[in-house]
């Protein structure tokens, strides 16, 4: 049984995966909100602008993204849902056995439903970091060995 002052060890890979996963999810949320605000219209193609008016549209070039969904309102709602899933997974579950892989899959889904290009790439990189949450680096002199925790 652990005492009150017991320290919990959290790997650096988990911290990196969680922080960048949350940032990816927040980026996806901004895309989803902009897409949903455009309403029940069909996109002109697979590449869309998340924002068509306001400061984000002028300063950020409309926040481009891509979608395979033929309706911007549905695209926005799906992007918001997937982005929230990315945030929750990054904070609570990325350290699990297949946590990094699931984060990579969620980020790929975010790319396909309109989460932009940058946030999914960041989420995929966070998932790669999440794959290393169970890896411990041990070294002796010039010899570095990698072993997996049981």
Protein backbone atom coordinates (compact mmCIF):
# COMPACT_ATOMS: atom_id res chain seq x y z
CA UNK A 1 0.00 0.00 0.00
CA UNK A 2 1.36 3.41 -0.94
CA UNK A 3 1.68 6.16 1.60
CA UNK A 4 0.29 9.67 1.26
CA UNK A 5 3.54 11.07 -0.10
CA UNK A 6 4.27 8.27 -2.58
CA UNK A 7 5.35 9.53 -5.99
CA UNK A 8 3.79 8.25 -9.17
CA UNK A 9 6.17 7.63 -12.04
CA UNK A 10 4.94 8.91 -15.38
CA UNK A 11 7.08 8.38 -18.45
CA UNK A 12 8.21 11.33 -20.54
CA UNK A 13 6.67 9.66 -23.60
CA UNK A 14 3.26 9.64 -21.90
CA UNK A 15 3.55 13.32 -21.00
CA UNK A 16 4.52 14.21 -24.58
CA UNK A 17 1.76 12.03 -26.04
CA UNK A 18 -0.85 13.50 -23.71
CA UNK A 19 0.10 17.15 -24.25
CA UNK A 20 0.38 16.92 -28.02
CA UNK A 21 -2.74 14.75 -28.22
CA UNK A 22 -4.74 17.40 -26.36
CA UNK A 23 -3.35 20.13 -28.61
CA UNK A 24 -4.30 18.08 -31.68
CA UNK A 25 -7.81 17.59 -30.33
CA UNK A 26 -8.21 21.31 -29.62
CA UNK A 27 -7.03 22.11 -33.15
CA UNK A 28 -9.57 19.65 -34.52
CA UNK A 29 -12.30 21.28 -32.42
CA UNK A 30 -11.66 24.67 -34.03
CA UNK A 31 -12.03 23.06 -37.44
CA UNK A 32 -15.24 21.29 -36.43
CA UNK A 33 -16.86 24.43 -35.06
CA UNK A 34 -16.11 26.36 -38.25
CA UNK A 35 -17.46 23.57 -40.43
CA UNK A 36 -20.65 23.20 -38.38
CA UNK A 37 -21.27 26.96 -38.52
CA UNK A 38 -21.31 26.80 -42.33
CA UNK A 39 -24.56 24.87 -42.07
CA UNK A 40 -26.27 22.16 -44.04
CA UNK A 41 -24.44 22.62 -47.36
CA UNK A 42 -22.42 20.33 -49.58
CA UNK A 43 -18.69 21.04 -49.88
CA UNK A 44 -17.29 21.88 -53.31
CA UNK A 45 -14.77 19.06 -53.12
CA UNK A 46 -12.73 16.88 -50.79
CA UNK A 47 -10.58 19.84 -49.63
CA UNK A 48 -12.56 22.43 -47.67
CA UNK A 49 -12.04 25.60 -45.67
CA UNK A 50 -13.21 25.20 -42.10
CA UNK A 51 -13.85 28.91 -41.73
CA UNK A 52 -15.22 31.08 -44.56
CA UNK A 53 -15.61 34.36 -42.67
CA UNK A 54 -14.14 36.18 -39.70
CA UNK A 55 -10.56 36.61 -38.49
CA UNK A 56 -9.67 32.92 -38.75
CA UNK A 57 -10.67 32.91 -42.42
CA UNK A 58 -8.54 35.96 -43.21
CA UNK A 59 -5.55 35.31 -40.94
CA UNK A 60 -5.31 31.53 -41.20
CA UNK A 61 -6.35 31.09 -44.83
CA UNK A 62 -9.66 29.54 -43.82
CA UNK A 63 -8.02 26.64 -41.96
CA UNK A 64 -8.03 24.10 -44.79
CA UNK A 65 -8.95 20.50 -44.20
CA UNK A 66 -10.33 17.52 -46.04
CA UNK A 67 -13.48 15.50 -45.63
CA UNK A 68 -15.07 12.43 -47.12
CA UNK A 69 -18.47 13.46 -45.71
CA UNK A 70 -20.71 15.23 -48.27
CA UNK A 71 -22.26 17.71 -45.79
CA UNK A 72 -20.46 20.46 -43.84
CA UNK A 73 -22.80 20.38 -40.84
CA UNK A 74 -22.35 16.62 -40.44
CA UNK A 75 -18.62 17.04 -41.08
CA UNK A 76 -18.42 19.62 -38.29
CA UNK A 77 -20.33 17.48 -35.81
CA UNK A 78 -18.22 14.40 -36.61
CA UNK A 79 -15.02 16.44 -36.32
CA UNK A 80 -16.09 17.75 -32.91
CA UNK A 81 -16.92 14.22 -31.70
CA UNK A 82 -13.66 12.71 -32.97
CA UNK A 83 -11.64 15.65 -31.59
CA UNK A 84 -13.20 15.20 -28.16
CA UNK A 85 -12.36 11.49 -28.37
CA UNK A 86 -8.74 12.39 -29.20
CA UNK A 87 -8.58 14.68 -26.15
CA UNK A 88 -10.12 12.13 -23.78
CA UNK A 89 -7.95 9.30 -25.11
CA UNK A 90 -4.79 11.42 -24.86
CA UNK A 91 -5.43 12.32 -21.25
CA UNK A 92 -6.82 9.07 -19.88
CA UNK A 93 -5.85 6.09 -22.02
CA UNK A 94 -2.70 6.73 -24.08
CA UNK A 95 -0.55 4.78 -21.61
CA UNK A 96 -2.48 1.54 -22.19
CA UNK A 97 -1.09 -1.38 -24.15
CA UNK A 98 -2.45 -0.21 -27.53
CA UNK A 99 -3.04 3.40 -26.48
CA UNK A 100 -0.63 4.93 -28.98
CA UNK A 101 -2.10 2.91 -31.84
CA UNK A 102 -5.65 3.98 -30.96
CA UNK A 103 -4.52 7.63 -30.85
CA UNK A 104 -3.00 7.22 -34.33
CA UNK A 105 -6.29 5.73 -35.60
CA UNK A 106 -8.37 8.50 -33.99
CA UNK A 107 -6.10 11.12 -35.54
CA UNK A 108 -6.47 9.48 -38.95
CA UNK A 109 -10.25 9.57 -38.50
CA UNK A 110 -9.97 13.26 -37.56
CA UNK A 111 -8.11 13.87 -40.84
CA UNK A 112 -10.84 12.15 -42.87
CA UNK A 113 -13.80 13.94 -41.25
CA UNK A 114 -12.49 17.50 -41.52
CA UNK A 115 -10.07 18.04 -38.63
CA UNK A 116 -7.62 19.88 -40.86
CA UNK A 117 -4.11 18.80 -41.79
CA UNK A 118 -1.97 20.04 -38.89
CA UNK A 119 -3.94 18.67 -35.93
CA UNK A 120 -4.14 15.09 -37.27
CA UNK A 121 -0.41 15.09 -38.05
CA UNK A 122 0.27 16.29 -34.51
CA UNK A 123 -2.07 13.60 -33.18
CA UNK A 124 -0.31 10.89 -35.20
CA UNK A 125 3.05 12.03 -33.81
CA UNK A 126 1.54 12.00 -30.30
CA UNK A 127 0.36 8.45 -30.97
CA UNK A 128 3.88 7.46 -31.99
CA UNK A 129 5.11 8.89 -28.68
CA UNK A 130 2.31 6.94 -26.99
CA UNK A 131 3.70 3.74 -28.46
CA UNK A 132 6.80 4.34 -26.34
CA UNK A 133 5.09 4.84 -22.98
CA UNK A 134 6.10 1.36 -21.83
CA UNK A 135 9.69 1.63 -23.06
CA UNK A 136 12.53 2.20 -20.61
CA UNK A 137 15.97 3.30 -21.77
CA UNK A 138 18.82 1.87 -19.74
CA UNK A 139 22.42 2.59 -20.50
CA UNK A 140 25.87 1.49 -19.38
CA UNK A 141 28.82 3.57 -20.63
CA UNK A 142 28.37 3.74 -24.42
CA UNK A 143 25.95 0.83 -24.60
CA UNK A 144 22.25 1.80 -24.61
CA UNK A 145 19.70 -0.97 -24.38
CA UNK A 146 15.96 -0.75 -24.75
CA UNK A 147 13.71 -3.09 -22.83
CA UNK A 148 9.94 -3.27 -22.51
CA UNK A 149 8.16 -3.22 -19.16
CA UNK A 150 6.16 -6.30 -18.34
